[in-house]
Amino acid sequence: MEIKRSAKNAAIQENDKEAQEMNGQIQIAVDQLNVVVKQMKLAANSLNQSQNTHASLFFSNNR
């Protein structure tokens, strides 16, 4: 009976360790995605600024 309990506890500990590792990997993926989102927002803002600059130059030259 004690051997079964010990094996069961070892299996539970192994499952907990795997779950913790998976949770860590998921957290890393979330962090990486957050960085990508920030980069995309910066790129979009930069593109908007560039388009606004070109538009204002175009309209100021055509008056």
PDB file of N, CA and C in Angstrom:
ATOM      1  N   MET A   1       0.823  -1.191   0.000  1.00  0.00           N
ATOM      2  CA  MET A   1       0.000   0.000   0.000  1.00  0.00           C
ATOM      3  C   MET A   1       0.871   1.261   0.000  1.00  0.00           C
ATOM      4  N   GLU A   2       1.920   1.261   0.798  1.00  0.00           N
ATOM      5  CA  GLU A   2       2.824   2.408   0.897  1.00  0.00           C
ATOM      6  C   GLU A   2       3.548   2.641  -0.430  1.00  0.00           C
ATOM      7  N   ILE A   3       3.895   1.574  -1.133  1.00  0.00           N
ATOM      8  CA  ILE A   3       4.585   1.709  -2.421  1.00  0.00           C
ATOM      9  C   ILE A   3       3.674   2.386  -3.438  1.00  0.00           C
ATOM     10  N   LYS A   4       2.383   1.995  -3.458  1.00  0.00           N
ATOM     11  CA  LYS A   4       1.439   2.616  -4.382  1.00  0.00           C
ATOM     12  C   LYS A   4       1.286   4.102  -4.072  1.00  0.00           C
ATOM     13  N   ARG A   5       1.222   4.432  -2.803  1.00  0.00           N
ATOM     14  CA  ARG A   5       1.059   5.815  -2.391  1.00  0.00           C
ATOM     15  C   ARG A   5       2.292   6.630  -2.781  1.00  0.00           C
ATOM     16  N   SER A   6       3.453   6.043  -2.582  1.00  0.00           N
ATOM     17  CA  SER A   6       4.693   6.725  -2.934  1.00  0.00           C
ATOM     18  C   SER A   6       4.783   6.945  -4.445  1.00  0.00           C
ATOM     19  N   ALA A   7       4.412   5.947  -5.247  1.00  0.00           N
ATOM     20  CA  ALA A   7       4.422   6.069  -6.702  1.00  0.00           C
ATOM     21  C   ALA A   7       3.411   7.117  -7.153  1.00  0.00           C
ATOM     22  N   LYS A   8       2.263   7.128  -6.500  1.00  0.00           N
ATOM     23  CA  LYS A   8       1.234   8.110  -6.842  1.00  0.00           C
ATOM     24  C   LYS A   8       1.717   9.525  -6.529  1.00  0.00           C
ATOM     25  N   ASN A   9       2.363   9.708  -5.387  1.00  0.00           N
ATOM     26  CA  ASN A   9       2.902  11.017  -5.025  1.00  0.00           C
ATOM     27  C   ASN A   9       3.982  11.454  -6.010  1.00  0.00           C
ATOM     28  N   ALA A  10       4.817  10.510  -6.435  1.00  0.00           N
ATOM     29  CA  ALA A  10       5.865  10.834  -7.407  1.00  0.00           C
ATOM     30  C   ALA A  10       5.241  11.267  -8.737  1.00  0.00           C
ATOM     31  N   ALA A  11       4.180  10.591  -9.142  1.00  0.00           N
ATOM     32  CA  ALA A  11       3.502  10.940 -10.388  1.00  0.00           C
ATOM     33  C   ALA A  11       2.867  12.327 -10.279  1.00  0.00           C
ATOM     34  N   ILE A  12       2.276  12.612  -9.132  1.00  0.00           N
ATOM     35  CA  ILE A  12       1.667  13.926  -8.915  1.00  0.00           C
ATOM     36  C   ILE A  12       2.730  15.020  -8.969  1.00  0.00           C
ATOM     37  N   GLN A  13       3.865  14.774  -8.326  1.00  0.00           N
ATOM     38  CA  GLN A  13       4.948  15.761  -8.334  1.00  0.00           C
ATOM     39  C   GLN A  13       5.474  15.982  -9.747  1.00  0.00           C
ATOM     40  N   GLU A  14       5.573  14.909 -10.508  1.00  0.00           N
ATOM     41  CA  GLU A  14       6.038  15.026 -11.890  1.00  0.00           C
ATOM     42  C   GLU A  14       5.042  15.839 -12.723  1.00  0.00           C
ATOM     43  N   ASN A  15       3.750  15.574 -12.517  1.00  0.00           N
ATOM     44  CA  ASN A  15       2.719  16.331 -13.238  1.00  0.00           C
ATOM     45  C   ASN A  15       2.767  17.808 -12.847  1.00  0.00           C
ATOM     46  N   ASP A  16       2.989  18.086 -11.566  1.00  0.00           N
ATOM     47  CA  ASP A  16       3.092  19.472 -11.115  1.00  0.00           C
ATOM     48  C   ASP A  16       4.293  20.163 -11.761  1.00  0.00           C
ATOM     49  N   LYS A  17       5.402  19.436 -11.825  1.00  0.00           N
ATOM     50  CA  LYS A  17       6.612  20.009 -12.440  1.00  0.00           C
ATOM     51  C   LYS A  17       6.367  20.313 -13.915  1.00  0.00           C
ATOM     52  N   GLU A  18       5.728  19.380 -14.622  1.00  0.00           N
ATOM     53  CA  GLU A  18       5.425  19.598 -16.040  1.00  0.00           C
ATOM     54  C   GLU A  18       4.463  20.764 -16.216  1.00  0.00           C
ATOM     55  N   ALA A  19       3.480  20.869 -15.338  1.00  0.00           N
ATOM     56  CA  ALA A  19       2.518  21.972 -15.419  1.00  0.00           C
ATOM     57  C   ALA A  19       3.214  23.310 -15.174  1.00  0.00           C
ATOM     58  N   GLN A  20       4.140  23.351 -14.229  1.00  0.00           N
ATOM     59  CA  GLN A  20       4.873  24.579 -13.956  1.00  0.00           C
ATOM     60  C   GLN A  20       5.743  24.974 -15.142  1.00  0.00           C
ATOM     61  N   GLU A  21       6.390  23.991 -15.760  1.00  0.00           N
ATOM     62  CA  GLU A  21       7.218  24.269 -16.936  1.00  0.00           C
ATOM     63  C   GLU A  21       6.357  24.793 -18.088  1.00  0.00           C
ATOM     64  N   MET A  22       5.199  24.172 -18.286  1.00  0.00           N
ATOM     65  CA  MET A  22       4.299  24.596 -19.350  1.00  0.00           C
ATOM     66  C   MET A  22       3.778  26.006 -19.062  1.00  0.00           C
ATOM     67  N   ASN A  23       3.452  26.262 -17.820  1.00  0.00           N
ATOM     68  CA  ASN A  23       2.982  27.589 -17.433  1.00  0.00           C
ATOM     69  C   ASN A  23       4.058  28.637 -17.704  1.00  0.00           C
ATOM     70  N   GLY A  24       5.296  28.307 -17.412  1.00  0.00           N
ATOM     71  CA  GLY A  24       6.407  29.221 -17.689  1.00  0.00           C
ATOM     72  C   GLY A  24       6.552  29.488 -19.174  1.00  0.00           C
ATOM     73  N   GLN A  25       6.419  28.440 -19.983  1.00  0.00           N
ATOM     74  CA  GLN A  25       6.525  28.601 -21.433  1.00  0.00           C
ATOM     75  C   GLN A  25       5.388  29.464 -21.974  1.00  0.00           C
ATOM     76  N   ILE A  26       4.204  29.267 -21.420  1.00  0.00           N
ATOM     77  CA  ILE A  26       3.059  30.081 -21.839  1.00  0.00           C
ATOM     78  C   ILE A  26       3.295  31.538 -21.475  1.00  0.00           C
ATOM     79  N   GLN A  27       3.820  31.787 -20.290  1.00  0.00           N
ATOM     80  CA  GLN A  27       4.087  33.163 -19.862  1.00  0.00           C
ATOM     81  C   GLN A  27       5.117  33.831 -20.770  1.00  0.00           C
ATOM     82  N   ILE A  28       6.138  33.078 -21.159  1.00  0.00           N
ATOM     83  CA  ILE A  28       7.144  33.608 -22.088  1.00  0.00           C
ATOM     84  C   ILE A  28       6.494  33.960 -23.425  1.00  0.00           C
ATOM     85  N   ALA A  29       5.624  33.082 -23.923  1.00  0.00           N
ATOM     86  CA  ALA A  29       4.939  33.337 -25.192  1.00  0.00           C
ATOM     87  C   ALA A  29       4.061  34.587 -25.086  1.00  0.00           C
ATOM     88  N   VAL A  30       3.376  34.746 -23.966  1.00  0.00           N
ATOM     89  CA  VAL A  30       2.532  35.926 -23.760  1.00  0.00           C
ATOM     90  C   VAL A  30       3.390  37.189 -23.760  1.00  0.00           C
ATOM     91  N   ASP A  31       4.507  37.139 -23.060  1.00  0.00           N
ATOM     92  CA  ASP A  31       5.414  38.296 -23.019  1.00  0.00           C
ATOM     93  C   ASP A  31       5.916  38.645 -24.420  1.00  0.00           C
ATOM     94  N   GLN A  32       6.274  37.618 -25.193  1.00  0.00           N
ATOM     95  CA  GLN A  32       6.767  37.858 -26.553  1.00  0.00           C
ATOM     96  C   GLN A  32       5.677  38.460 -27.431  1.00  0.00           C
ATOM     97  N   LEU A  33       4.453  37.971 -27.280  1.00  0.00           N
ATOM     98  CA  LEU A  33       3.346  38.531 -28.059  1.00  0.00           C
ATOM     99  C   LEU A  33       3.075  39.977 -27.678  1.00  0.00           C
ATOM    100  N   ASN A  34       3.198  40.296 -26.400  1.00  0.00           N
ATOM    101  CA  ASN A  34       3.015  41.679 -25.962  1.00  0.00           C
ATOM    102  C   ASN A  34       4.059  42.593 -26.592  1.00  0.00           C
ATOM    103  N   VAL A  35       5.282  42.110 -26.713  1.00  0.00           N
ATOM    104  CA  VAL A  35       6.338  42.895 -27.366  1.00  0.00           C
ATOM    105  C   VAL A  35       5.998  43.107 -28.842  1.00  0.00           C
ATOM    106  N   VAL A  36       5.513  42.074 -29.504  1.00  0.00           N
ATOM    107  CA  VAL A  36       5.145  42.194 -30.921  1.00  0.00           C
ATOM    108  C   VAL A  36       4.020  43.213 -31.086  1.00  0.00           C
ATOM    109  N   VAL A  37       3.033  43.167 -30.190  1.00  0.00           N
ATOM    110  CA  VAL A  37       1.923  44.121 -30.268  1.00  0.00           C
ATOM    111  C   VAL A  37       2.443  45.548 -30.100  1.00  0.00           C
ATOM    112  N   LYS A  38       3.342  45.760 -29.137  1.00  0.00           N
ATOM    113  CA  LYS A  38       3.917  47.093 -28.940  1.00  0.00           C
ATOM    114  C   LYS A  38       4.662  47.553 -30.189  1.00  0.00           C
ATOM    115  N   GLN A  39       5.433  46.650 -30.787  1.00  0.00           N
ATOM    116  CA  GLN A  39       6.183  46.996 -31.992  1.00  0.00           C
ATOM    117  C   GLN A  39       5.241  47.353 -33.143  1.00  0.00           C
ATOM    118  N   MET A  40       4.154  46.606 -33.272  1.00  0.00           N
ATOM    119  CA  MET A  40       3.185  46.882 -34.330  1.00  0.00           C
ATOM    120  C   MET A  40       2.519  48.241 -34.107  1.00  0.00           C
ATOM    121  N   LYS A  41       2.220  48.565 -32.858  1.00  0.00           N
ATOM    122  CA  LYS A  41       1.627  49.873 -32.562  1.00  0.00           C
ATOM    123  C   LYS A  41       2.603  50.998 -32.898  1.00  0.00           C
ATOM    124  N   LEU A  42       3.872  50.807 -32.548  1.00  0.00           N
ATOM    125  CA  LEU A  42       4.881  51.815 -32.882  1.00  0.00           C
ATOM    126  C   LEU A  42       5.017  51.972 -34.391  1.00  0.00           C
ATOM    127  N   ALA A  43       5.006  50.862 -35.094  1.00  0.00           N
ATOM    128  CA  ALA A  43       5.116  50.912 -36.558  1.00  0.00           C
ATOM    129  C   ALA A  43       3.903  51.614 -37.163  1.00  0.00           C
ATOM    130  N   ALA A  44       2.718  51.340 -36.643  1.00  0.00           N
ATOM    131  CA  ALA A  44       1.502  51.980 -37.151  1.00  0.00           C
ATOM    132  C   ALA A  44       1.542  53.480 -36.886  1.00  0.00           C
ATOM    133  N   ASN A  45       1.974  53.865 -35.695  1.00  0.00           N
ATOM    134  CA  ASN A  45       2.084  55.295 -35.378  1.00  0.00           C
ATOM    135  C   ASN A  45       3.094  55.986 -36.286  1.00  0.00           C
ATOM    136  N   SER A  46       4.209  55.324 -36.513  1.00  0.00           N
ATOM    137  CA  SER A  46       5.235  55.885 -37.389  1.00  0.00           C
ATOM    138  C   SER A  46       4.702  56.046 -38.806  1.00  0.00           C
ATOM    139  N   LEU A  47       3.982  55.045 -39.277  1.00  0.00           N
ATOM    140  CA  LEU A  47       3.405  55.112 -40.621  1.00  0.00           C
ATOM    141  C   LEU A  47       2.387  56.244 -40.713  1.00  0.00           C
ATOM    142  N   ASN A  48       1.557  56.384 -39.685  1.00  0.00           N
ATOM    143  CA  ASN A  48       0.571  57.478 -39.678  1.00  0.00           C
ATOM    144  C   ASN A  48       1.258  58.832 -39.709  1.00  0.00           C
ATOM    145  N   GLN A  49       2.300  58.988 -38.932  1.00  0.00           N
ATOM    146  CA  GLN A  49       3.030  60.257 -38.911  1.00  0.00           C
ATOM    147  C   GLN A  49       3.648  60.540 -40.276  1.00  0.00           C
ATOM    148  N   SER A  50       4.206  59.507 -40.873  1.00  0.00           N
ATOM    149  CA  SER A  50       4.830  59.660 -42.186  1.00  0.00           C
ATOM    150  C   SER A  50       3.788  60.055 -43.231  1.00  0.00           C
ATOM    151  N   GLN A  51       2.633  59.404 -43.207  1.00  0.00           N
ATOM    152  CA  GLN A  51       1.569  59.721 -44.159  1.00  0.00           C
ATOM    153  C   GLN A  51       1.053  61.136 -43.941  1.00  0.00           C
ATOM    154  N   ASN A  52       0.914  61.533 -42.680  1.00  0.00           N
ATOM    155  CA  ASN A  52       0.435  62.882 -42.389  1.00  0.00           C
ATOM    156  C   ASN A  52       1.432  63.931 -42.874  1.00  0.00           C
ATOM    157  N   THR A  53       2.714  63.642 -42.701  1.00  0.00           N
ATOM    158  CA  THR A  53       3.752  64.566 -43.171  1.00  0.00           C
ATOM    159  C   THR A  53       3.707  64.699 -44.686  1.00  0.00           C
ATOM    160  N   HIS A  54       3.610  63.560 -45.375  1.00  0.00           N
ATOM    161  CA  HIS A  54       3.559  63.588 -46.839  1.00  0.00           C
ATOM    162  C   HIS A  54       2.294  64.295 -47.324  1.00  0.00           C
ATOM    163  N   ALA A  55       1.189  64.066 -46.652  1.00  0.00           N
ATOM    164  CA  ALA A  55      -0.067  64.701 -47.054  1.00  0.00           C
ATOM    165  C   ALA A  55       0.019  66.208 -46.860  1.00  0.00           C
ATOM    166  N   SER A  56       0.557  66.645 -45.745  1.00  0.00           N
ATOM    167  CA  SER A  56       0.648  68.095 -45.500  1.00  0.00           C
ATOM    168  C   SER A  56       1.608  68.741 -46.492  1.00  0.00           C
ATOM    169  N   LEU A  57       2.686  68.060 -46.841  1.00  0.00           N
ATOM    170  CA  LEU A  57       3.621  68.605 -47.840  1.00  0.00           C
ATOM    171  C   LEU A  57       2.955  68.682 -49.206  1.00  0.00           C
ATOM    172  N   PHE A  58       2.195  67.647 -49.544  1.00  0.00           N
ATOM    173  CA  PHE A  58       1.531  67.602 -50.839  1.00  0.00           C
ATOM    174  C   PHE A  58       0.529  68.750 -50.952  1.00  0.00           C
ATOM    175  N   PHE A  59      -0.297  68.938 -49.925  1.00  0.00           N
ATOM    176  CA  PHE A  59      -1.326  69.966 -49.997  1.00  0.00           C
ATOM    177  C   PHE A  59      -0.724  71.371 -49.903  1.00  0.00           C
ATOM    178  N   SER A  60       0.353  71.514 -49.157  1.00  0.00           N
ATOM    179  CA  SER A  60       0.970  72.859 -49.060  1.00  0.00           C
ATOM    180  C   SER A  60       1.654  73.238 -50.382  1.00  0.00           C
ATOM    181  N   ASN A  61       2.149  72.281 -51.127  1.00  0.00           N
ATOM    182  CA  ASN A  61       2.796  72.554 -52.412  1.00  0.00           C
ATOM    183  C   ASN A  61       1.808  72.771 -53.537  1.00  0.00           C
ATOM    184  N   ASN A  62       0.568  72.354 -53.375  1.00  0.00           N
ATOM    185  CA  ASN A  62      -0.428  72.460 -54.433  1.00  0.00           C
ATOM    186  C   ASN A  62      -1.393  73.629 -54.204  1.00  0.00           C
ATOM    187  N   ARG A  63      -1.012  74.592 -53.439  1.00  0.00           N
ATOM    188  CA  ARG A  63      -1.884  75.760 -53.214  1.00  0.00           C
ATOM    189  C   ARG A  63      -1.570  76.849 -54.192  1.00  0.00           C
TER     190      ARG A  63
END
